[in-house]
Structures are given as structure tokens and as C-alpha cells.
Amino acid sequence: MKIYSVVRIIFAFFLMVLAFPYILQIETTLQAIFWTVWALFFFSIIGGNLAILLHVTPVPVMEQQMSENMEQRPYKRARQR
């Protein structure tokens, strides 16, 4: 479902808005490394979800909806020989 990807993108941008004032106050090398890794993680989250929205990658299995035919079919046992 595309709604999950949209929600994750919105949440990532919300976290970026909260973090932006602290990113502007970088003073030490350790802080620069932390915010660089944080920004890379942010862009990977945005990129992955945009890929799902643009149909570049398939939707994760947990987010796929089952068709009505699949839900109505009874499970059959495999024949054992």
C-alpha cells in the first residue's frame, strides 16, 4: 500500500525539521560525523520510499494486499506419496 510509504516520507521530513537547527550548530568532528551519517540515513529512507511510490522496486511482502480470490480459496494439502 502506497499510504505507508507516504507516511514514512512525511515522518522522515518531520524528523529533519526537528534536527535542522542542531545541524547548523556543528562544532566538532564527532558532531559532523554523526550528522553526516544521520543525513545519509535520511536520504536512504526517502529514496527507498520514493522507489516504492514510483514502482522502481516491488512493494514489500508485508504491505501487499491479498486478492479476494486468494482469501476465499481453502487451503489444500499436498498429496503425499
PDB file of N, CA and C in Angstrom:
ATOM      1  N   MET A   1       0.835  -1.177   0.000  1.00  0.00           N
ATOM      2  CA  MET A   1       0.000   0.000   0.000  1.00  0.00           C
ATOM      3  C   MET A   1       0.881   1.240   0.000  1.00  0.00           C
ATOM      4  N   LYS A   2       0.515   2.155  -0.846  1.00  0.00           N
ATOM      5  CA  LYS A   2       1.314   3.355  -1.002  1.00  0.00           C
ATOM      6  C   LYS A   2       1.227   4.287   0.197  1.00  0.00           C
ATOM      7  N   ILE A   3       0.171   4.187   0.959  1.00  0.00           N
ATOM      8  CA  ILE A   3      -0.018   5.117   2.083  1.00  0.00           C
ATOM      9  C   ILE A   3       1.103   4.964   3.105  1.00  0.00           C
ATOM     10  N   TYR A   4       1.605   3.742   3.301  1.00  0.00           N
ATOM     11  CA  TYR A   4       2.687   3.529   4.260  1.00  0.00           C
ATOM     12  C   TYR A   4       3.960   4.247   3.813  1.00  0.00           C
ATOM     13  N   SER A   5       4.238   4.227   2.527  1.00  0.00           N
ATOM     14  CA  SER A   5       5.417   4.922   2.013  1.00  0.00           C
ATOM     15  C   SER A   5       5.283   6.428   2.193  1.00  0.00           C
ATOM     16  N   VAL A   6       4.106   6.943   1.949  1.00  0.00           N
ATOM     17  CA  VAL A   6       3.875   8.384   2.112  1.00  0.00           C
ATOM     18  C   VAL A   6       4.024   8.780   3.579  1.00  0.00           C
ATOM     19  N   VAL A   7       3.485   7.955   4.471  1.00  0.00           N
ATOM     20  CA  VAL A   7       3.586   8.256   5.908  1.00  0.00           C
ATOM     21  C   VAL A   7       5.052   8.238   6.352  1.00  0.00           C
ATOM     22  N   ARG A   8       5.837   7.278   5.863  1.00  0.00           N
ATOM     23  CA  ARG A   8       7.256   7.219   6.231  1.00  0.00           C
ATOM     24  C   ARG A   8       8.022   8.429   5.704  1.00  0.00           C
ATOM     25  N   ILE A   9       7.691   8.887   4.502  1.00  0.00           N
ATOM     26  CA  ILE A   9       8.346  10.078   3.948  1.00  0.00           C
ATOM     27  C   ILE A   9       7.996  11.308   4.782  1.00  0.00           C
ATOM     28  N   ILE A  10       6.738  11.457   5.123  1.00  0.00           N
ATOM     29  CA  ILE A  10       6.312  12.607   5.939  1.00  0.00           C
ATOM     30  C   ILE A  10       6.992  12.578   7.301  1.00  0.00           C
ATOM     31  N   PHE A  11       7.076  11.391   7.914  1.00  0.00           N
ATOM     32  CA  PHE A  11       7.721  11.272   9.215  1.00  0.00           C
ATOM     33  C   PHE A  11       9.217  11.592   9.127  1.00  0.00           C
ATOM     34  N   ALA A  12       9.877  11.158   8.051  1.00  0.00           N
ATOM     35  CA  ALA A  12      11.297  11.462   7.879  1.00  0.00           C
ATOM     36  C   ALA A  12      11.519  12.972   7.730  1.00  0.00           C
ATOM     37  N   PHE A  13      10.659  13.640   6.958  1.00  0.00           N
ATOM     38  CA  PHE A  13      10.784  15.092   6.826  1.00  0.00           C
ATOM     39  C   PHE A  13      10.496  15.807   8.149  1.00  0.00           C
ATOM     40  N   PHE A  14       9.569  15.275   8.939  1.00  0.00           N
ATOM     41  CA  PHE A  14       9.293  15.852  10.254  1.00  0.00           C
ATOM     42  C   PHE A  14      10.539  15.760  11.142  1.00  0.00           C
ATOM     43  N   LEU A  15      11.202  14.602  11.125  1.00  0.00           N
ATOM     44  CA  LEU A  15      12.430  14.461  11.915  1.00  0.00           C
ATOM     45  C   LEU A  15      13.532  15.387  11.403  1.00  0.00           C
ATOM     46  N   MET A  16      13.590  15.603  10.094  1.00  0.00           N
ATOM     47  CA  MET A  16      14.597  16.515   9.535  1.00  0.00           C
ATOM     48  C   MET A  16      14.317  17.950   9.984  1.00  0.00           C
ATOM     49  N   VAL A  17      13.061  18.334  10.047  1.00  0.00           N
ATOM     50  CA  VAL A  17      12.706  19.678  10.516  1.00  0.00           C
ATOM     51  C   VAL A  17      13.130  19.860  11.971  1.00  0.00           C
ATOM     52  N   LEU A  18      12.932  18.816  12.775  1.00  0.00           N
ATOM     53  CA  LEU A  18      13.352  18.906  14.177  1.00  0.00           C
ATOM     54  C   LEU A  18      14.871  18.954  14.325  1.00  0.00           C
ATOM     55  N   ALA A  19      15.590  18.269  13.454  1.00  0.00           N
ATOM     56  CA  ALA A  19      17.043  18.176  13.575  1.00  0.00           C
ATOM     57  C   ALA A  19      17.778  19.348  12.930  1.00  0.00           C
ATOM     58  N   PHE A  20      17.143  20.044  12.014  1.00  0.00           N
ATOM     59  CA  PHE A  20      17.839  21.070  11.240  1.00  0.00           C
ATOM     60  C   PHE A  20      18.513  22.153  12.088  1.00  0.00           C
ATOM     61  N   PRO A  21      17.900  22.680  13.137  1.00  0.00           N
ATOM     62  CA  PRO A  21      18.601  23.700  13.943  1.00  0.00           C
ATOM     63  C   PRO A  21      19.892  23.159  14.571  1.00  0.00           C
ATOM     64  N   TYR A  22      19.904  21.902  14.940  1.00  0.00           N
ATOM     65  CA  TYR A  22      21.108  21.308  15.539  1.00  0.00           C
ATOM     66  C   TYR A  22      22.180  21.039  14.486  1.00  0.00           C
ATOM     67  N   ILE A  23      21.760  20.773  13.270  1.00  0.00           N
ATOM     68  CA  ILE A  23      22.735  20.545  12.197  1.00  0.00           C
ATOM     69  C   ILE A  23      23.512  21.834  11.915  1.00  0.00           C
ATOM     70  N   LEU A  24      22.853  22.966  12.043  1.00  0.00           N
ATOM     71  CA  LEU A  24      23.510  24.240  11.777  1.00  0.00           C
ATOM     72  C   LEU A  24      24.519  24.625  12.861  1.00  0.00           C
ATOM     73  N   GLN A  25      24.485  23.958  14.021  1.00  0.00           N
ATOM     74  CA  GLN A  25      25.368  24.289  15.129  1.00  0.00           C
ATOM     75  C   GLN A  25      26.527  23.297  15.282  1.00  0.00           C
ATOM     76  N   ILE A  26      26.953  22.668  14.206  1.00  0.00           N
ATOM     77  CA  ILE A  26      28.037  21.689  14.282  1.00  0.00           C
ATOM     78  C   ILE A  26      29.337  22.390  14.652  1.00  0.00           C
ATOM     79  N   GLU A  27      30.025  21.878  15.689  1.00  0.00           N
ATOM     80  CA  GLU A  27      31.291  22.475  16.129  1.00  0.00           C
ATOM     81  C   GLU A  27      32.449  21.490  16.104  1.00  0.00           C
ATOM     82  N   THR A  28      32.195  20.222  16.410  1.00  0.00           N
ATOM     83  CA  THR A  28      33.285  19.252  16.495  1.00  0.00           C
ATOM     84  C   THR A  28      33.201  18.252  15.354  1.00  0.00           C
ATOM     85  N   THR A  29      34.294  17.514  15.186  1.00  0.00           N
ATOM     86  CA  THR A  29      34.354  16.496  14.146  1.00  0.00           C
ATOM     87  C   THR A  29      33.376  15.365  14.429  1.00  0.00           C
ATOM     88  N   LEU A  30      33.233  15.011  15.693  1.00  0.00           N
ATOM     89  CA  LEU A  30      32.302  13.945  16.056  1.00  0.00           C
ATOM     90  C   LEU A  30      30.866  14.331  15.714  1.00  0.00           C
ATOM     91  N   GLN A  31      30.514  15.571  15.951  1.00  0.00           N
ATOM     92  CA  GLN A  31      29.182  16.035  15.575  1.00  0.00           C
ATOM     93  C   GLN A  31      28.996  16.003  14.062  1.00  0.00           C
ATOM     94  N   ALA A  32      30.017  16.378  13.331  1.00  0.00           N
ATOM     95  CA  ALA A  32      29.929  16.365  11.872  1.00  0.00           C
ATOM     96  C   ALA A  32      29.749  14.941  11.350  1.00  0.00           C
ATOM     97  N   ILE A  33      30.459  13.991  11.942  1.00  0.00           N
ATOM     98  CA  ILE A  33      30.318  12.594  11.531  1.00  0.00           C
ATOM     99  C   ILE A  33      28.911  12.104  11.843  1.00  0.00           C
ATOM    100  N   PHE A  34      28.418  12.405  13.036  1.00  0.00           N
ATOM    101  CA  PHE A  34      27.072  11.974  13.430  1.00  0.00           C
ATOM    102  C   PHE A  34      26.023  12.512  12.478  1.00  0.00           C
ATOM    103  N   TRP A  35      26.054  13.810  12.188  1.00  0.00           N
ATOM    104  CA  TRP A  35      25.032  14.392  11.329  1.00  0.00           C
ATOM    105  C   TRP A  35      25.186  13.956   9.884  1.00  0.00           C
ATOM    106  N   THR A  36      26.404  13.640   9.456  1.00  0.00           N
ATOM    107  CA  THR A  36      26.592  13.104   8.107  1.00  0.00           C
ATOM    108  C   THR A  36      25.949  11.728   7.987  1.00  0.00           C
ATOM    109  N   VAL A  37      26.184  10.873   8.970  1.00  0.00           N
ATOM    110  CA  VAL A  37      25.561   9.548   8.963  1.00  0.00           C
ATOM    111  C   VAL A  37      24.044   9.684   9.064  1.00  0.00           C
ATOM    112  N   TRP A  38      23.573  10.600   9.875  1.00  0.00           N
ATOM    113  CA  TRP A  38      22.139  10.816  10.030  1.00  0.00           C
ATOM    114  C   TRP A  38      21.527  11.273   8.711  1.00  0.00           C
ATOM    115  N   ALA A  39      22.202  12.178   8.009  1.00  0.00           N
ATOM    116  CA  ALA A  39      21.694  12.669   6.722  1.00  0.00           C
ATOM    117  C   ALA A  39      21.693  11.556   5.671  1.00  0.00           C
ATOM    118  N   LEU A  40      22.719  10.713   5.663  1.00  0.00           N
ATOM    119  CA  LEU A  40      22.748   9.586   4.724  1.00  0.00           C
ATOM    120  C   LEU A  40      21.599   8.618   5.003  1.00  0.00           C
ATOM    121  N   PHE A  41      21.330   8.366   6.274  1.00  0.00           N
ATOM    122  CA  PHE A  41      20.208   7.513   6.636  1.00  0.00           C
ATOM    123  C   PHE A  41      18.891   8.140   6.191  1.00  0.00           C
ATOM    124  N   PHE A  42      18.748   9.441   6.398  1.00  0.00           N
ATOM    125  CA  PHE A  42      17.550  10.168   5.972  1.00  0.00           C
ATOM    126  C   PHE A  42      17.327  10.018   4.466  1.00  0.00           C
ATOM    127  N   PHE A  43      18.384  10.238   3.684  1.00  0.00           N
ATOM    128  CA  PHE A  43      18.242  10.143   2.233  1.00  0.00           C
ATOM    129  C   PHE A  43      17.993   8.714   1.756  1.00  0.00           C
ATOM    130  N   SER A  44      18.515   7.737   2.473  1.00  0.00           N
ATOM    131  CA  SER A  44      18.227   6.354   2.093  1.00  0.00           C
ATOM    132  C   SER A  44      16.765   6.008   2.379  1.00  0.00           C
ATOM    133  N   ILE A  45      16.213   6.515   3.477  1.00  0.00           N
ATOM    134  CA  ILE A  45      14.806   6.294   3.783  1.00  0.00           C
ATOM    135  C   ILE A  45      13.922   6.967   2.728  1.00  0.00           C
ATOM    136  N   ILE A  46      14.228   8.196   2.393  1.00  0.00           N
ATOM    137  CA  ILE A  46      13.451   8.918   1.384  1.00  0.00           C
ATOM    138  C   ILE A  46      13.573   8.227   0.031  1.00  0.00           C
ATOM    139  N   GLY A  47      14.781   7.839  -0.343  1.00  0.00           N
ATOM    140  CA  GLY A  47      14.989   7.186  -1.635  1.00  0.00           C
ATOM    141  C   GLY A  47      14.274   5.854  -1.744  1.00  0.00           C
ATOM    142  N   GLY A  48      14.335   5.071  -0.690  1.00  0.00           N
ATOM    143  CA  GLY A  48      13.661   3.773  -0.714  1.00  0.00           C
ATOM    144  C   GLY A  48      12.157   3.899  -0.840  1.00  0.00           C
ATOM    145  N   ASN A  49      11.598   4.844  -0.126  1.00  0.00           N
ATOM    146  CA  ASN A  49      10.146   5.030  -0.190  1.00  0.00           C
ATOM    147  C   ASN A  49       9.708   5.668  -1.498  1.00  0.00           C
ATOM    148  N   LEU A  50      10.521   6.536  -2.055  1.00  0.00           N
ATOM    149  CA  LEU A  50      10.201   7.088  -3.371  1.00  0.00           C
ATOM    150  C   LEU A  50      10.279   6.008  -4.442  1.00  0.00           C
ATOM    151  N   ALA A  51      11.216   5.069  -4.286  1.00  0.00           N
ATOM    152  CA  ALA A  51      11.318   3.964  -5.237  1.00  0.00           C
ATOM    153  C   ALA A  51      10.062   3.097  -5.197  1.00  0.00           C
ATOM    154  N   ILE A  52       9.514   2.906  -4.020  1.00  0.00           N
ATOM    155  CA  ILE A  52       8.257   2.143  -3.909  1.00  0.00           C
ATOM    156  C   ILE A  52       7.113   2.917  -4.553  1.00  0.00           C
ATOM    157  N   LEU A  53       7.045   4.223  -4.297  1.00  0.00           N
ATOM    158  CA  LEU A  53       5.963   5.026  -4.864  1.00  0.00           C
ATOM    159  C   LEU A  53       6.043   5.115  -6.384  1.00  0.00           C
ATOM    160  N   LEU A  54       7.258   5.142  -6.928  1.00  0.00           N
ATOM    161  CA  LEU A  54       7.437   5.256  -8.378  1.00  0.00           C
ATOM    162  C   LEU A  54       7.525   3.900  -9.070  1.00  0.00           C
ATOM    163  N   HIS A  55       7.272   2.826  -8.321  1.00  0.00           N
ATOM    164  CA  HIS A  55       7.270   1.452  -8.832  1.00  0.00           C
ATOM    165  C   HIS A  55       8.621   1.027  -9.395  1.00  0.00           C
ATOM    166  N   VAL A  56       9.704   1.528  -8.828  1.00  0.00           N
ATOM    167  CA  VAL A  56      11.041   1.095  -9.219  1.00  0.00           C
ATOM    168  C   VAL A  56      11.347  -0.249  -8.568  1.00  0.00           C
ATOM    169  N   THR A  57      10.884  -0.430  -7.340  1.00  0.00           N
ATOM    170  CA  THR A  57      11.057  -1.694  -6.631  1.00  0.00           C
ATOM    171  C   THR A  57       9.681  -2.231  -6.262  1.00  0.00           C
ATOM    172  N   PRO A  58       9.571  -3.535  -6.064  1.00  0.00           N
ATOM    173  CA  PRO A  58       8.260  -4.079  -5.678  1.00  0.00           C
ATOM    174  C   PRO A  58       7.900  -3.691  -4.249  1.00  0.00           C
ATOM    175  N   VAL A  59       6.621  -3.697  -3.974  1.00  0.00           N
ATOM    176  CA  VAL A  59       6.119  -3.386  -2.633  1.00  0.00           C
ATOM    177  C   VAL A  59       6.526  -4.522  -1.697  1.00  0.00           C
ATOM    178  N   PRO A  60       6.974  -4.218  -0.470  1.00  0.00           N
ATOM    179  CA  PRO A  60       7.332  -5.289   0.460  1.00  0.00           C
ATOM    180  C   PRO A  60       6.176  -6.254   0.690  1.00  0.00           C
ATOM    181  N   VAL A  61       6.515  -7.507   0.948  1.00  0.00           N
ATOM    182  CA  VAL A  61       5.509  -8.557   1.082  1.00  0.00           C
ATOM    183  C   VAL A  61       4.521  -8.241   2.195  1.00  0.00           C
ATOM    184  N   MET A  62       4.996  -7.679   3.293  1.00  0.00           N
ATOM    185  CA  MET A  62       4.109  -7.399   4.420  1.00  0.00           C
ATOM    186  C   MET A  62       3.069  -6.330   4.091  1.00  0.00           C
ATOM    187  N   GLU A  63       3.324  -5.506   3.077  1.00  0.00           N
ATOM    188  CA  GLU A  63       2.402  -4.429   2.743  1.00  0.00           C
ATOM    189  C   GLU A  63       1.511  -4.760   1.553  1.00  0.00           C
ATOM    190  N   GLN A  64       1.660  -5.940   0.981  1.00  0.00           N
ATOM    191  CA  GLN A  64       0.836  -6.315  -0.154  1.00  0.00           C
ATOM    192  C   GLN A  64      -0.534  -6.766   0.321  1.00  0.00           C
ATOM    193  N   GLN A  65      -1.532  -6.434  -0.451  1.00  0.00           N
ATOM    194  CA  GLN A  65      -2.887  -6.853  -0.126  1.00  0.00           C
ATOM    195  C   GLN A  65      -3.183  -8.149  -0.871  1.00  0.00           C
ATOM    196  N   MET A  66      -3.870  -9.050  -0.200  1.00  0.00           N
ATOM    197  CA  MET A  66      -4.258 -10.291  -0.850  1.00  0.00           C
ATOM    198  C   MET A  66      -5.498 -10.035  -1.691  1.00  0.00           C
ATOM    199  N   SER A  67      -5.562 -10.695  -2.843  1.00  0.00           N
ATOM    200  CA  SER A  67      -6.752 -10.560  -3.674  1.00  0.00           C
ATOM    201  C   SER A  67      -7.896 -11.339  -3.039  1.00  0.00           C
ATOM    202  N   GLU A  68      -9.104 -11.024  -3.445  1.00  0.00           N
ATOM    203  CA  GLU A  68     -10.271 -11.693  -2.867  1.00  0.00           C
ATOM    204  C   GLU A  68     -10.286 -13.175  -3.200  1.00  0.00           C
ATOM    205  N   ASN A  69      -9.765 -13.543  -4.377  1.00  0.00           N
ATOM    206  CA  ASN A  69      -9.731 -14.954  -4.758  1.00  0.00           C
ATOM    207  C   ASN A  69      -8.823 -15.749  -3.832  1.00  0.00           C
ATOM    208  N   MET A  70      -7.719 -15.170  -3.438  1.00  0.00           N
ATOM    209  CA  MET A  70      -6.782 -15.867  -2.563  1.00  0.00           C
ATOM    210  C   MET A  70      -7.377 -16.056  -1.174  1.00  0.00           C
ATOM    211  N   GLU A  71      -8.156 -15.092  -0.703  1.00  0.00           N
ATOM    212  CA  GLU A  71      -8.736 -15.178   0.630  1.00  0.00           C
ATOM    213  C   GLU A  71      -9.856 -16.214   0.699  1.00  0.00           C
ATOM    214  N   GLN A  72     -10.555 -16.439  -0.405  1.00  0.00           N
ATOM    215  CA  GLN A  72     -11.694 -17.343  -0.395  1.00  0.00           C
ATOM    216  C   GLN A  72     -11.298 -18.797  -0.650  1.00  0.00           C
ATOM    217  N   ARG A  73     -10.141 -19.032  -1.231  1.00  0.00           N
ATOM    218  CA  ARG A  73      -9.734 -20.394  -1.549  1.00  0.00           C
ATOM    219  C   ARG A  73      -9.366 -21.162  -0.296  1.00  0.00           C
ATOM    220  N   PRO A  74      -9.906 -22.354  -0.140  1.00  0.00           N
ATOM    221  CA  PRO A  74      -9.492 -23.168   1.014  1.00  0.00           C
ATOM    222  C   PRO A  74      -8.097 -23.735   0.774  1.00  0.00           C
ATOM    223  N   TYR A  75      -7.386 -23.940   1.848  1.00  0.00           N
ATOM    224  CA  TYR A  75      -6.044 -24.497   1.743  1.00  0.00           C
ATOM    225  C   TYR A  75      -6.150 -25.981   1.425  1.00  0.00           C
ATOM    226  N   LYS A  76      -5.335 -26.438   0.501  1.00  0.00           N
ATOM    227  CA  LYS A  76      -5.325 -27.835   0.115  1.00  0.00           C
ATOM    228  C   LYS A  76      -4.033 -28.480   0.600  1.00  0.00           C
ATOM    229  N   ARG A  77      -4.158 -29.694   1.063  1.00  0.00           N
ATOM    230  CA  ARG A  77      -2.963 -30.418   1.471  1.00  0.00           C
ATOM    231  C   ARG A  77      -2.248 -30.956   0.242  1.00  0.00           C
ATOM    232  N   ALA A  78      -0.949 -30.950   0.333  1.00  0.00           N
ATOM    233  CA  ALA A  78      -0.155 -31.528  -0.741  1.00  0.00           C
ATOM    234  C   ALA A  78      -0.293 -33.037  -0.690  1.00  0.00           C
ATOM    235  N   ARG A  79      -0.394 -33.663  -1.854  1.00  0.00           N
ATOM    236  CA  ARG A  79      -0.512 -35.117  -1.884  1.00  0.00           C
ATOM    237  C   ARG A  79       0.813 -35.751  -1.512  1.00  0.00           C
ATOM    238  N   GLN A  80       0.738 -36.680  -0.614  1.00  0.00           N
ATOM    239  CA  GLN A  80       1.936 -37.400  -0.181  1.00  0.00           C
ATOM    240  C   GLN A  80       1.954 -38.761  -0.841  1.00  0.00           C
ATOM    241  N   ARG A  81       3.088 -39.166  -1.361  1.00  0.00           N
ATOM    242  CA  ARG A  81       3.213 -40.483  -1.994  1.00  0.00           C
ATOM    243  C   ARG A  81       4.084 -41.377  -1.188  1.00  0.00           C
TER     244      ARG A  81
END
